[in-house]
Amino acid sequence: MTASTLFWQLAAELQAENPAVVEGTIMKVRCLRVGTEFVALVDYKDAWTS
């Protein structure tokens, strides 16, 4: 399992528990946000390969 796969599996669990956690983008890469605030991003290099 890649870091990106694990990250998005865990992100899905967070999103299911809290609707304020949403997917967004930063520098054209997927990330997690709460409202307009940045929360997390998969390793930047790995994010481009997923």
C-alpha atoms as a PDB file:
ATOM      1  CA  MET A   1       0.000   0.000   0.000  1.00  0.00           C
ATOM      2  CA  THR A   2       1.340   3.416  -0.909  1.00  0.00           C
ATOM      3  CA  ALA A   3       1.400   6.362   1.455  1.00  0.00           C
ATOM      4  CA  SER A   4      -1.163   8.068  -0.765  1.00  0.00           C
ATOM      5  CA  THR A   5      -3.563   5.115  -0.610  1.00  0.00           C
ATOM      6  CA  LEU A   6      -3.318   4.935   3.175  1.00  0.00           C
ATOM      7  CA  PHE A   7      -3.724   8.696   3.514  1.00  0.00           C
ATOM      8  CA  TRP A   8      -6.942   8.760   1.480  1.00  0.00           C
ATOM      9  CA  GLN A   9      -8.362   5.721   3.280  1.00  0.00           C
ATOM     10  CA  LEU A  10      -7.825   7.492   6.590  1.00  0.00           C
ATOM     11  CA  ALA A  11      -9.152  10.731   5.119  1.00  0.00           C
ATOM     12  CA  ALA A  12     -12.365   8.956   4.115  1.00  0.00           C
ATOM     13  CA  GLU A  13     -12.824   7.842   7.728  1.00  0.00           C
ATOM     14  CA  LEU A  14     -12.332  11.406   8.959  1.00  0.00           C
ATOM     15  CA  GLN A  15     -14.773  12.737   6.385  1.00  0.00           C
ATOM     16  CA  ALA A  16     -17.378  10.155   7.417  1.00  0.00           C
ATOM     17  CA  GLU A  17     -17.048  11.236  11.060  1.00  0.00           C
ATOM     18  CA  ASN A  18     -16.915  14.974  10.442  1.00  0.00           C
ATOM     19  CA  PRO A  19     -18.546  16.634   7.408  1.00  0.00           C
ATOM     20  CA  ALA A  20     -16.396  19.740   7.944  1.00  0.00           C
ATOM     21  CA  VAL A  21     -13.383  17.753   6.694  1.00  0.00           C
ATOM     22  CA  VAL A  22     -13.347  18.135   2.915  1.00  0.00           C
ATOM     23  CA  GLU A  23     -11.043  17.433   0.021  1.00  0.00           C
ATOM     24  CA  GLY A  24      -9.420  20.445  -1.571  1.00  0.00           C
ATOM     25  CA  THR A  25      -6.306  21.351  -3.494  1.00  0.00           C
ATOM     26  CA  ILE A  26      -3.104  23.176  -2.732  1.00  0.00           C
ATOM     27  CA  MET A  27      -0.549  23.776  -5.484  1.00  0.00           C
ATOM     28  CA  LYS A  28      -2.793  21.625  -7.759  1.00  0.00           C
ATOM     29  CA  VAL A  29      -2.437  18.617  -5.410  1.00  0.00           C
ATOM     30  CA  ARG A  30      -5.251  17.008  -3.410  1.00  0.00           C
ATOM     31  CA  CYS A  31      -5.319  17.869   0.282  1.00  0.00           C
ATOM     32  CA  LEU A  32      -7.643  17.870   3.276  1.00  0.00           C
ATOM     33  CA  ARG A  33      -9.215  21.030   4.607  1.00  0.00           C
ATOM     34  CA  VAL A  34     -11.542  22.025   7.398  1.00  0.00           C
ATOM     35  CA  GLY A  35     -13.454  24.937   5.992  1.00  0.00           C
ATOM     36  CA  THR A  36     -10.862  27.104   4.281  1.00  0.00           C
ATOM     37  CA  GLU A  37      -7.997  25.908   6.498  1.00  0.00           C
ATOM     38  CA  PHE A  38      -5.379  23.486   5.180  1.00  0.00           C
ATOM     39  CA  VAL A  39      -5.107  20.319   7.294  1.00  0.00           C
ATOM     40  CA  ALA A  40      -2.985  17.693   5.560  1.00  0.00           C
ATOM     41  CA  LEU A  41      -1.279  16.651   2.343  1.00  0.00           C
ATOM     42  CA  VAL A  42       0.312  13.387   1.302  1.00  0.00           C
ATOM     43  CA  ASP A  43       4.071  13.595   0.791  1.00  0.00           C
ATOM     44  CA  TYR A  44       4.303  16.112  -2.034  1.00  0.00           C
ATOM     45  CA  LYS A  45       6.408  13.863  -4.307  1.00  0.00           C
ATOM     46  CA  ASP A  46       4.115  10.870  -3.758  1.00  0.00           C
ATOM     47  CA  ALA A  47       0.999  12.964  -4.355  1.00  0.00           C
ATOM     48  CA  TRP A  48       1.923  13.510  -8.006  1.00  0.00           C
ATOM     49  CA  THR A  49       2.096   9.762  -8.718  1.00  0.00           C
ATOM     50  CA  SER A  50      -1.400   8.899  -7.459  1.00  0.00           C
END
